[in-house]
PDB file of N, CA and C in Angstrom:
ATOM      1  N   UNK A   1     -40.315  22.086  15.805  1.00  0.00           N
ATOM      2  CA  UNK A   1     -39.656  21.161  16.740  1.00  0.00           C
ATOM      3  C   UNK A   1     -39.476  19.818  16.096  1.00  0.00           C
ATOM      4  N   UNK A   2     -40.549  19.380  15.437  1.00  0.00           N
ATOM      5  CA  UNK A   2     -40.445  18.095  14.802  1.00  0.00           C
ATOM      6  C   UNK A   2     -39.263  17.874  13.726  1.00  0.00           C
ATOM      7  N   UNK A   3     -39.286  19.055  13.030  1.00  0.00           N
ATOM      8  CA  UNK A   3     -38.215  19.135  11.961  1.00  0.00           C
ATOM      9  C   UNK A   3     -36.763  19.005  12.492  1.00  0.00           C
ATOM     10  N   UNK A   4     -36.586  19.694  13.713  1.00  0.00           N
ATOM     11  CA  UNK A   4     -35.305  19.574  14.352  1.00  0.00           C
ATOM     12  C   UNK A   4     -34.949  18.262  14.929  1.00  0.00           C
ATOM     13  N   UNK A   5     -35.941  17.566  15.437  1.00  0.00           N
ATOM     14  CA  UNK A   5     -35.744  16.239  15.880  1.00  0.00           C
ATOM     15  C   UNK A   5     -35.479  15.313  14.659  1.00  0.00           C
ATOM     16  N   UNK A   6     -36.146  15.438  13.596  1.00  0.00           N
ATOM     17  CA  UNK A   6     -35.912  14.562  12.476  1.00  0.00           C
ATOM     18  C   UNK A   6     -34.422  14.739  11.921  1.00  0.00           C
ATOM     19  N   UNK A   7     -33.912  16.119  11.771  1.00  0.00           N
ATOM     20  CA  UNK A   7     -32.660  16.335  11.460  1.00  0.00           C
ATOM     21  C   UNK A   7     -31.615  15.680  12.477  1.00  0.00           C
ATOM     22  N   UNK A   8     -31.979  15.723  13.671  1.00  0.00           N
ATOM     23  CA  UNK A   8     -30.957  15.219  14.701  1.00  0.00           C
ATOM     24  C   UNK A   8     -30.894  13.650  14.565  1.00  0.00           C
ATOM     25  N   UNK A   9     -32.139  13.073  14.317  1.00  0.00           N
ATOM     26  CA  UNK A   9     -32.169  11.546  14.153  1.00  0.00           C
ATOM     27  C   UNK A   9     -31.381  11.183  12.967  1.00  0.00           C
ATOM     28  N   UNK A  10     -31.605  11.928  11.797  1.00  0.00           N
ATOM     29  CA  UNK A  10     -30.886  11.604  10.542  1.00  0.00           C
ATOM     30  C   UNK A  10     -29.356  11.944  10.685  1.00  0.00           C
ATOM     31  N   UNK A  11     -29.012  12.858  11.332  1.00  0.00           N
ATOM     32  CA  UNK A  11     -27.610  13.133  11.617  1.00  0.00           C
ATOM     33  C   UNK A  11     -27.015  12.103  12.449  1.00  0.00           C
ATOM     34  N   UNK A  12     -27.502  11.632  13.498  1.00  0.00           N
ATOM     35  CA  UNK A  12     -27.019  10.521  14.338  1.00  0.00           C
ATOM     36  C   UNK A  12     -26.915   9.227  13.547  1.00  0.00           C
ATOM     37  N   UNK A  13     -27.875   9.088  12.792  1.00  0.00           N
ATOM     38  CA  UNK A  13     -27.851   7.805  12.010  1.00  0.00           C
ATOM     39  C   UNK A  13     -26.693   7.810  10.883  1.00  0.00           C
ATOM     40  N   UNK A  14     -26.540   9.053  10.310  1.00  0.00           N
ATOM     41  CA  UNK A  14     -25.363   9.152   9.359  1.00  0.00           C
ATOM     42  C   UNK A  14     -24.013   8.999  10.097  1.00  0.00           C
ATOM     43  N   UNK A  15     -23.852   9.622  11.236  1.00  0.00           N
ATOM     44  CA  UNK A  15     -22.590   9.507  12.072  1.00  0.00           C
ATOM     45  C   UNK A  15     -22.374   8.085  12.443  1.00  0.00           C
ATOM     46  N   UNK A  16     -23.498   7.363  12.790  1.00  0.00           N
ATOM     47  CA  UNK A  16     -23.324   5.935  13.203  1.00  0.00           C
ATOM     48  C   UNK A  16     -22.984   5.035  12.117  1.00  0.00           C
ATOM     49  N   UNK A  17     -23.515   5.398  10.813  1.00  0.00           N
ATOM     50  CA  UNK A  17     -23.104   4.500   9.670  1.00  0.00           C
ATOM     51  C   UNK A  17     -21.620   4.847   9.196  1.00  0.00           C
ATOM     52  N   UNK A  18     -21.267   6.097   9.385  1.00  0.00           N
ATOM     53  CA  UNK A  18     -19.865   6.415   9.001  1.00  0.00           C
ATOM     54  C   UNK A  18     -18.824   5.779   9.972  1.00  0.00           C
ATOM     55  N   UNK A  19     -19.286   5.781  11.240  1.00  0.00           N
ATOM     56  CA  UNK A  19     -18.345   5.145  12.218  1.00  0.00           C
ATOM     57  C   UNK A  19     -18.407   3.626  12.031  1.00  0.00           C
ATOM     58  N   UNK A  20     -19.346   2.972  11.699  1.00  0.00           N
ATOM     59  CA  UNK A  20     -19.415   1.542  11.390  1.00  0.00           C
ATOM     60  C   UNK A  20     -18.521   1.257  10.134  1.00  0.00           C
ATOM     61  N   UNK A  21     -18.630   1.899   9.137  1.00  0.00           N
ATOM     62  CA  UNK A  21     -17.800   1.811   7.959  1.00  0.00           C
ATOM     63  C   UNK A  21     -16.373   1.989   8.248  1.00  0.00           C
ATOM     64  N   UNK A  22     -16.041   2.994   8.995  1.00  0.00           N
ATOM     65  CA  UNK A  22     -14.639   3.149   9.295  1.00  0.00           C
ATOM     66  C   UNK A  22     -14.082   2.005  10.195  1.00  0.00           C
ATOM     67  N   UNK A  23     -14.987   1.567  11.103  1.00  0.00           N
ATOM     68  CA  UNK A  23     -14.594   0.479  12.048  1.00  0.00           C
ATOM     69  C   UNK A  23     -14.247  -0.792  11.170  1.00  0.00           C
ATOM     70  N   UNK A  24     -15.246  -1.001  10.265  1.00  0.00           N
ATOM     71  CA  UNK A  24     -14.963  -2.282   9.523  1.00  0.00           C
ATOM     72  C   UNK A  24     -13.904  -2.245   8.445  1.00  0.00           C
ATOM     73  N   UNK A  25     -13.628  -1.003   7.861  1.00  0.00           N
ATOM     74  CA  UNK A  25     -12.627  -0.928   6.834  1.00  0.00           C
ATOM     75  C   UNK A  25     -11.290  -0.679   7.397  1.00  0.00           C
ATOM     76  N   UNK A  26     -11.071  -0.424   8.703  1.00  0.00           N
ATOM     77  CA  UNK A  26      -9.764   0.135   9.113  1.00  0.00           C
ATOM     78  C   UNK A  26      -8.642  -0.905   9.140  1.00  0.00           C
ATOM     79  N   UNK A  27      -8.927  -2.215   9.193  1.00  0.00           N
ATOM     80  CA  UNK A  27      -7.852  -3.039   9.327  1.00  0.00           C
ATOM     81  C   UNK A  27      -7.378  -3.620   7.995  1.00  0.00           C
ATOM     82  N   UNK A  28      -7.752  -3.128   6.898  1.00  0.00           N
ATOM     83  CA  UNK A  28      -7.381  -3.800   5.536  1.00  0.00           C
ATOM     84  C   UNK A  28      -6.121  -3.045   4.953  1.00  0.00           C
ATOM     85  N   UNK A  29      -5.225  -3.594   4.429  1.00  0.00           N
ATOM     86  CA  UNK A  29      -4.146  -3.051   3.686  1.00  0.00           C
ATOM     87  C   UNK A  29      -4.554  -2.530   2.159  1.00  0.00           C
ATOM     88  N   UNK A  30      -3.873  -1.558   1.695  1.00  0.00           N
ATOM     89  CA  UNK A  30      -4.207  -1.123   0.412  1.00  0.00           C
ATOM     90  C   UNK A  30      -3.617  -2.142  -0.591  1.00  0.00           C
ATOM     91  N   UNK A  31      -4.293  -2.591  -1.527  1.00  0.00           N
ATOM     92  CA  UNK A  31      -3.741  -3.673  -2.532  1.00  0.00           C
ATOM     93  C   UNK A  31      -4.133  -3.163  -3.920  1.00  0.00           C
ATOM     94  N   UNK A  32      -3.083  -3.418  -4.803  1.00  0.00           N
ATOM     95  CA  UNK A  32      -3.375  -3.159  -6.209  1.00  0.00           C
ATOM     96  C   UNK A  32      -3.730  -4.466  -6.840  1.00  0.00           C
ATOM     97  N   UNK A  33      -4.281  -4.278  -8.049  1.00  0.00           N
ATOM     98  CA  UNK A  33      -4.628  -5.524  -8.702  1.00  0.00           C
ATOM     99  C   UNK A  33      -3.493  -6.225  -9.189  1.00  0.00           C
ATOM    100  N   UNK A  34      -3.566  -7.636  -9.347  1.00  0.00           N
ATOM    101  CA  UNK A  34      -2.552  -8.429  -9.897  1.00  0.00           C
ATOM    102  C   UNK A  34      -2.884  -8.948 -11.128  1.00  0.00           C
ATOM    103  N   UNK A  35      -1.892  -9.366 -11.964  1.00  0.00           N
ATOM    104  CA  UNK A  35      -2.271  -9.895 -13.243  1.00  0.00           C
ATOM    105  C   UNK A  35      -2.520 -11.343 -13.141  1.00  0.00           C
ATOM    106  N   UNK A  36      -2.228 -12.075 -12.204  1.00  0.00           N
ATOM    107  CA  UNK A  36      -2.511 -13.565 -12.177  1.00  0.00           C
ATOM    108  C   UNK A  36      -3.184 -14.211 -10.944  1.00  0.00           C
ATOM    109  N   UNK A  37      -2.965 -13.591  -9.788  1.00  0.00           N
ATOM    110  CA  UNK A  37      -3.318 -14.337  -8.501  1.00  0.00           C
ATOM    111  C   UNK A  37      -4.691 -13.733  -7.980  1.00  0.00           C
ATOM    112  N   UNK A  38      -4.897 -12.515  -8.218  1.00  0.00           N
ATOM    113  CA  UNK A  38      -5.937 -11.951  -7.694  1.00  0.00           C
ATOM    114  C   UNK A  38      -5.761 -11.355  -6.302  1.00  0.00           C
ATOM    115  N   UNK A  39      -4.684 -11.651  -5.685  1.00  0.00           N
ATOM    116  CA  UNK A  39      -4.338 -11.164  -4.254  1.00  0.00           C
ATOM    117  C   UNK A  39      -3.707  -9.893  -4.436  1.00  0.00           C
ATOM    118  N   UNK A  40      -2.894  -9.515  -5.393  1.00  0.00           N
ATOM    119  CA  UNK A  40      -2.395  -8.184  -5.718  1.00  0.00           C
ATOM    120  C   UNK A  40      -1.018  -7.956  -4.748  1.00  0.00           C
ATOM    121  N   UNK A  41      -0.567  -6.873  -5.098  1.00  0.00           N
ATOM    122  CA  UNK A  41       0.694  -6.418  -4.433  1.00  0.00           C
ATOM    123  C   UNK A  41       0.341  -5.285  -3.374  1.00  0.00           C
ATOM    124  N   UNK A  42       1.176  -5.146  -2.450  1.00  0.00           N
ATOM    125  CA  UNK A  42       0.939  -4.160  -1.351  1.00  0.00           C
ATOM    126  C   UNK A  42       2.072  -3.081  -1.494  1.00  0.00           C
ATOM    127  N   UNK A  43       1.610  -1.761  -1.177  1.00  0.00           N
ATOM    128  CA  UNK A  43       2.585  -0.734  -1.175  1.00  0.00           C
ATOM    129  C   UNK A  43       2.789  -0.135   0.173  1.00  0.00           C
ATOM    130  N   UNK A  44       3.925   0.399   0.394  1.00  0.00           N
ATOM    131  CA  UNK A  44       4.213   1.163   1.674  1.00  0.00           C
ATOM    132  C   UNK A  44       5.196   2.357   1.319  1.00  0.00           C
ATOM    133  N   UNK A  45       4.810   3.479   1.642  1.00  0.00           N
ATOM    134  CA  UNK A  45       5.848   4.617   1.380  1.00  0.00           C
ATOM    135  C   UNK A  45       6.325   4.952   2.795  1.00  0.00           C
ATOM    136  N   UNK A  46       7.615   4.736   2.949  1.00  0.00           N
ATOM    137  CA  UNK A  46       8.306   4.928   4.277  1.00  0.00           C
ATOM    138  C   UNK A  46       8.963   6.340   4.229  1.00  0.00           C
ATOM    139  N   UNK A  47       8.746   7.067   5.389  1.00  0.00           N
ATOM    140  CA  UNK A  47       9.400   8.316   5.541  1.00  0.00           C
ATOM    141  C   UNK A  47       8.405   9.482   5.102  1.00  0.00           C
ATOM    142  N   UNK A  48       7.260   9.107   4.704  1.00  0.00           N
ATOM    143  CA  UNK A  48       6.340  10.278   4.273  1.00  0.00           C
ATOM    144  C   UNK A  48       6.738  10.846   2.948  1.00  0.00           C
ATOM    145  N   UNK A  49       6.173  11.925   2.603  1.00  0.00           N
ATOM    146  CA  UNK A  49       6.326  12.534   1.243  1.00  0.00           C
ATOM    147  C   UNK A  49       7.559  13.479   1.463  1.00  0.00           C
ATOM    148  N   UNK A  50       8.672  12.949   1.482  1.00  0.00           N
ATOM    149  CA  UNK A  50       9.995  13.609   1.444  1.00  0.00           C
ATOM    150  C   UNK A  50      10.954  13.044   0.382  1.00  0.00           C
ATOM    151  N   UNK A  51      12.031  13.877   0.087  1.00  0.00           N
ATOM    152  CA  UNK A  51      13.073  13.429  -0.924  1.00  0.00           C
ATOM    153  C   UNK A  51      13.722  12.073  -0.473  1.00  0.00           C
ATOM    154  N   UNK A  52      13.809  11.875   0.771  1.00  0.00           N
ATOM    155  CA  UNK A  52      14.536  10.614   1.286  1.00  0.00           C
ATOM    156  C   UNK A  52      13.652   9.478   1.547  1.00  0.00           C
ATOM    157  N   UNK A  53      12.380   9.535   1.229  1.00  0.00           N
ATOM    158  CA  UNK A  53      11.429   8.405   1.349  1.00  0.00           C
ATOM    159  C   UNK A  53      11.619   7.310   0.357  1.00  0.00           C
ATOM    160  N   UNK A  54      11.239   6.158   0.821  1.00  0.00           N
ATOM    161  CA  UNK A  54      11.327   5.016  -0.108  1.00  0.00           C
ATOM    162  C   UNK A  54      10.131   4.310  -0.310  1.00  0.00           C
ATOM    163  N   UNK A  55       9.896   3.678  -1.496  1.00  0.00           N
ATOM    164  CA  UNK A  55       8.589   2.819  -1.710  1.00  0.00           C
ATOM    165  C   UNK A  55       8.959   1.435  -1.683  1.00  0.00           C
ATOM    166  N   UNK A  56       8.163   0.715  -0.735  1.00  0.00           N
ATOM    167  CA  UNK A  56       8.251  -0.587  -0.693  1.00  0.00           C
ATOM    168  C   UNK A  56       7.053  -1.291  -1.360  1.00  0.00           C
ATOM    169  N   UNK A  57       7.362  -2.400  -2.081  1.00  0.00           N
ATOM    170  CA  UNK A  57       6.307  -3.025  -2.869  1.00  0.00           C
ATOM    171  C   UNK A  57       6.451  -4.524  -2.591  1.00  0.00           C
ATOM    172  N   UNK A  58       5.499  -5.168  -1.897  1.00  0.00           N
ATOM    173  CA  UNK A  58       5.403  -6.527  -1.642  1.00  0.00           C
ATOM    174  C   UNK A  58       4.556  -7.375  -2.550  1.00  0.00           C
ATOM    175  N   UNK A  59       5.196  -8.373  -3.085  1.00  0.00           N
ATOM    176  CA  UNK A  59       4.542  -9.335  -3.999  1.00  0.00           C
ATOM    177  C   UNK A  59       4.307 -10.669  -3.409  1.00  0.00           C
ATOM    178  N   UNK A  60       3.228 -10.980  -2.784  1.00  0.00           N
ATOM    179  CA  UNK A  60       3.058 -12.142  -1.997  1.00  0.00           C
ATOM    180  C   UNK A  60       3.215 -13.469  -2.842  1.00  0.00           C
ATOM    181  N   UNK A  61       2.856 -13.464  -4.085  1.00  0.00           N
ATOM    182  CA  UNK A  61       3.204 -14.594  -5.004  1.00  0.00           C
ATOM    183  C   UNK A  61       4.630 -15.115  -5.009  1.00  0.00           C
ATOM    184  N   UNK A  62       5.391 -14.041  -5.054  1.00  0.00           N
ATOM    185  CA  UNK A  62       6.907 -14.350  -5.232  1.00  0.00           C
ATOM    186  C   UNK A  62       7.732 -14.256  -3.892  1.00  0.00           C
ATOM    187  N   UNK A  63       6.913 -13.887  -2.801  1.00  0.00           N
ATOM    188  CA  UNK A  63       7.460 -13.672  -1.449  1.00  0.00           C
ATOM    189  C   UNK A  63       8.647 -12.739  -1.524  1.00  0.00           C
ATOM    190  N   UNK A  64       8.394 -11.557  -2.065  1.00  0.00           N
ATOM    191  CA  UNK A  64       9.463 -10.638  -2.519  1.00  0.00           C
ATOM    192  C   UNK A  64       9.202  -9.135  -2.133  1.00  0.00           C
ATOM    193  N   UNK A  65      10.004  -8.428  -1.583  1.00  0.00           N
ATOM    194  CA  UNK A  65       9.781  -7.029  -1.368  1.00  0.00           C
ATOM    195  C   UNK A  65      10.757  -6.210  -2.206  1.00  0.00           C
ATOM    196  N   UNK A  66      10.203  -5.384  -2.921  1.00  0.00           N
ATOM    197  CA  UNK A  66      11.053  -4.558  -3.933  1.00  0.00           C
ATOM    198  C   UNK A  66      11.211  -3.144  -3.203  1.00  0.00           C
ATOM    199  N   UNK A  67      12.430  -2.617  -3.253  1.00  0.00           N
ATOM    200  CA  UNK A  67      12.772  -1.273  -2.710  1.00  0.00           C
ATOM    201  C   UNK A  67      13.050  -0.327  -3.769  1.00  0.00           C
ATOM    202  N   UNK A  68      12.322   0.824  -3.646  1.00  0.00           N
ATOM    203  CA  UNK A  68      12.648   1.897  -4.622  1.00  0.00           C
ATOM    204  C   UNK A  68      12.995   3.110  -3.811  1.00  0.00           C
ATOM    205  N   UNK A  69      14.312   3.400  -3.749  1.00  0.00           N
ATOM    206  CA  UNK A  69      14.788   4.608  -2.949  1.00  0.00           C
ATOM    207  C   UNK A  69      14.550   5.821  -3.670  1.00  0.00           C
ATOM    208  N   UNK A  70      14.391   6.855  -2.749  1.00  0.00           N
ATOM    209  CA  UNK A  70      14.128   8.195  -3.302  1.00  0.00           C
ATOM    210  C   UNK A  70      13.059   8.291  -4.140  1.00  0.00           C
ATOM    211  N   UNK A  71      11.787   7.734  -3.771  1.00  0.00           N
ATOM    212  CA  UNK A  71      10.573   7.626  -4.486  1.00  0.00           C
ATOM    213  C   UNK A  71       9.926   8.927  -4.915  1.00  0.00           C
ATOM    214  N   UNK A  72      10.142   9.853  -4.044  1.00  0.00           N
ATOM    215  CA  UNK A  72       9.541  11.204  -4.247  1.00  0.00           C
ATOM    216  C   UNK A  72      10.469  12.224  -4.802  1.00  0.00           C
ATOM    217  N   UNK A  73      11.470  11.872  -5.393  1.00  0.00           N
ATOM    218  CA  UNK A  73      12.456  12.868  -6.088  1.00  0.00           C
ATOM    219  C   UNK A  73      12.744  12.455  -7.452  1.00  0.00           C
ATOM    220  N   UNK A  74      13.250  13.349  -8.221  1.00  0.00           N
ATOM    221  CA  UNK A  74      13.540  12.963  -9.620  1.00  0.00           C
ATOM    222  C   UNK A  74      12.263  12.790 -10.584  1.00  0.00           C
ATOM    223  N   UNK A  75      12.572  12.063 -11.722  1.00  0.00           N
ATOM    224  CA  UNK A  75      11.373  11.919 -12.567  1.00  0.00           C
ATOM    225  C   UNK A  75      10.280  10.885 -12.062  1.00  0.00           C
ATOM    226  N   UNK A  76       9.390  10.758 -12.871  1.00  0.00           N
ATOM    227  CA  UNK A  76       8.308   9.895 -12.508  1.00  0.00           C
ATOM    228  C   UNK A  76       8.507   8.366 -12.743  1.00  0.00           C
ATOM    229  N   UNK A  77       9.628   8.083 -13.412  1.00  0.00           N
ATOM    230  CA  UNK A  77       9.945   6.696 -13.690  1.00  0.00           C
ATOM    231  C   UNK A  77      10.796   6.127 -12.544  1.00  0.00           C
ATOM    232  N   UNK A  78      10.342   5.328 -11.632  1.00  0.00           N
ATOM    233  CA  UNK A  78      11.201   4.780 -10.572  1.00  0.00           C
ATOM    234  C   UNK A  78      11.925   3.466 -10.987  1.00  0.00           C
ATOM    235  N   UNK A  79      13.157   3.318 -10.527  1.00  0.00           N
ATOM    236  CA  UNK A  79      13.935   2.234 -10.947  1.00  0.00           C
ATOM    237  C   UNK A  79      14.016   1.470  -9.535  1.00  0.00           C
ATOM    238  N   UNK A  80      13.867   0.107  -9.684  1.00  0.00           N
ATOM    239  CA  UNK A  80      13.960  -0.830  -8.396  1.00  0.00           C
ATOM    240  C   UNK A  80      15.496  -0.850  -8.091  1.00  0.00           C
ATOM    241  N   UNK A  81      15.754  -0.607  -6.776  1.00  0.00           N
ATOM    242  CA  UNK A  81      17.090  -0.649  -6.281  1.00  0.00           C
ATOM    243  C   UNK A  81      17.551  -2.064  -5.709  1.00  0.00           C
ATOM    244  N   UNK A  82      16.753  -2.692  -4.963  1.00  0.00           N
ATOM    245  CA  UNK A  82      17.006  -4.096  -4.429  1.00  0.00           C
ATOM    246  C   UNK A  82      15.610  -4.798  -4.226  1.00  0.00           C
ATOM    247  N   UNK A  83      15.810  -5.974  -4.228  1.00  0.00           N
ATOM    248  CA  UNK A  83      14.628  -6.954  -3.930  1.00  0.00           C
ATOM    249  C   UNK A  83      15.182  -7.890  -2.823  1.00  0.00           C
ATOM    250  N   UNK A  84      14.167  -8.089  -1.894  1.00  0.00           N
ATOM    251  CA  UNK A  84      14.485  -8.937  -0.661  1.00  0.00           C
ATOM    252  C   UNK A  84      13.628 -10.149  -0.826  1.00  0.00           C
ATOM    253  N   UNK A  85      14.197 -11.408  -0.711  1.00  0.00           N
ATOM    254  CA  UNK A  85      13.466 -12.436  -0.946  1.00  0.00           C
ATOM    255  C   UNK A  85      13.658 -13.477   0.254  1.00  0.00           C
ATOM    256  N   UNK A  86      12.472 -14.152   0.515  1.00  0.00           N
ATOM    257  CA  UNK A  86      12.542 -15.093   1.695  1.00  0.00           C
ATOM    258  C   UNK A  86      11.591 -16.261   1.316  1.00  0.00           C
ATOM    259  N   UNK A  87      12.118 -17.515   1.491  1.00  0.00           N
ATOM    260  CA  UNK A  87      11.251 -18.611   1.273  1.00  0.00           C
ATOM    261  C   UNK A  87      10.199 -18.821   2.322  1.00  0.00           C
ATOM    262  N   UNK A  88      10.642 -18.918   3.607  1.00  0.00           N
ATOM    263  CA  UNK A  88       9.815 -19.259   4.787  1.00  0.00           C
ATOM    264  C   UNK A  88      10.247 -18.260   5.821  1.00  0.00           C
ATOM    265  N   UNK A  89       9.191 -17.886   6.767  1.00  0.00           N
ATOM    266  CA  UNK A  89       9.576 -16.996   7.822  1.00  0.00           C
ATOM    267  C   UNK A  89      10.551 -17.752   8.764  1.00  0.00           C
ATOM    268  N   UNK A  90      11.576 -16.911   9.119  1.00  0.00           N
ATOM    269  CA  UNK A  90      12.455 -17.329  10.079  1.00  0.00           C
ATOM    270  C   UNK A  90      13.853 -17.735   9.434  1.00  0.00           C
ATOM    271  N   UNK A  91      13.756 -17.824   8.005  1.00  0.00           N
ATOM    272  CA  UNK A  91      14.943 -18.214   7.273  1.00  0.00           C
ATOM    273  C   UNK A  91      15.677 -16.869   6.967  1.00  0.00           C
ATOM    274  N   UNK A  92      16.723 -17.197   6.170  1.00  0.00           N
ATOM    275  CA  UNK A  92      17.711 -15.982   5.733  1.00  0.00           C
ATOM    276  C   UNK A  92      16.891 -15.183   4.732  1.00  0.00           C
ATOM    277  N   UNK A  93      17.056 -13.862   4.768  1.00  0.00           N
ATOM    278  CA  UNK A  93      16.448 -12.948   3.718  1.00  0.00           C
ATOM    279  C   UNK A  93      17.448 -12.594   2.895  1.00  0.00           C
ATOM    280  N   UNK A  94      17.422 -12.742   1.564  1.00  0.00           N
ATOM    281  CA  UNK A  94      18.424 -12.456   0.565  1.00  0.00           C
ATOM    282  C   UNK A  94      18.092 -11.171  -0.063  1.00  0.00           C
ATOM    283  N   UNK A  95      19.041 -10.227   0.016  1.00  0.00           N
ATOM    284  CA  UNK A  95      19.015  -8.954  -0.610  1.00  0.00           C
ATOM    285  C   UNK A  95      19.599  -9.107  -2.022  1.00  0.00           C
ATOM    286  N   UNK A  96      18.968  -8.803  -2.984  1.00  0.00           N
ATOM    287  CA  UNK A  96      19.450  -8.957  -4.433  1.00  0.00           C
ATOM    288  C   UNK A  96      19.346  -7.715  -5.149  1.00  0.00           C
ATOM    289  N   UNK A  97      20.376  -7.241  -5.918  1.00  0.00           N
ATOM    290  CA  UNK A  97      20.004  -5.930  -6.627  1.00  0.00           C
ATOM    291  C   UNK A  97      19.126  -6.292  -7.885  1.00  0.00           C
ATOM    292  N   UNK A  98      18.312  -5.264  -8.111  1.00  0.00           N
ATOM    293  CA  UNK A  98      17.388  -5.553  -9.313  1.00  0.00           C
ATOM    294  C   UNK A  98      18.189  -5.402 -10.510  1.00  0.00           C
ATOM    295  N   UNK A  99      17.795  -6.166 -11.551  1.00  0.00           N
ATOM    296  CA  UNK A  99      18.423  -6.278 -12.853  1.00  0.00           C
ATOM    297  C   UNK A  99      18.184  -5.000 -13.531  1.00  0.00           C
ATOM    298  N   UNK A 100      18.851  -4.830 -14.686  1.00  0.00           N
ATOM    299  CA  UNK A 100      18.573  -3.669 -15.637  1.00  0.00           C
ATOM    300  C   UNK A 100      17.193  -3.668 -16.037  1.00  0.00           C
ATOM    301  N   UNK A 101      16.465  -2.505 -16.103  1.00  0.00           N
ATOM    302  CA  UNK A 101      15.189  -2.319 -16.394  1.00  0.00           C
ATOM    303  C   UNK A 101      14.931  -1.451 -17.661  1.00  0.00           C
ATOM    304  N   UNK A 102      13.880  -1.662 -18.332  1.00  0.00           N
ATOM    305  CA  UNK A 102      13.609  -0.852 -19.488  1.00  0.00           C
ATOM    306  C   UNK A 102      12.743   0.377 -18.989  1.00  0.00           C
ATOM    307  N   UNK A 103      13.011   1.569 -19.610  1.00  0.00           N
ATOM    308  CA  UNK A 103      12.282   2.745 -19.300  1.00  0.00           C
ATOM    309  C   UNK A 103      10.900   2.591 -19.895  1.00  0.00           C
ATOM    310  N   UNK A 104      10.819   2.097 -21.129  1.00  0.00           N
ATOM    311  CA  UNK A 104       9.611   1.921 -21.938  1.00  0.00           C
ATOM    312  C   UNK A 104       9.504   0.543 -22.252  1.00  0.00           C
ATOM    313  N   UNK A 105       8.190  -0.058 -21.936  1.00  0.00           N
ATOM    314  CA  UNK A 105       7.898  -1.529 -22.208  1.00  0.00           C
ATOM    315  C   UNK A 105       7.862  -1.714 -23.710  1.00  0.00           C
TER     316      UNK A 105
END
């Protein structure tokens, strides 16, 4: 009986710790490392894992969103289609085609 109560106590403690970790970590965006600022860029895959989905990459240092259409189709080298730039919230957002890119750096 003592063994069962010990297992129950340990199980409840584990569930409590997992719930606390989930609650504390649920509000954070996924970020990649950045080469200079330390803040990083943020990614969002729209439309799920489908051929029509797009990948959005936000660079906070440049205040720019990069759009990669058809992120889940074709080969593994994605080309940027457009970038959206905004200086201040509420101002005009400029859509600019991405320039020519190199396949190999």
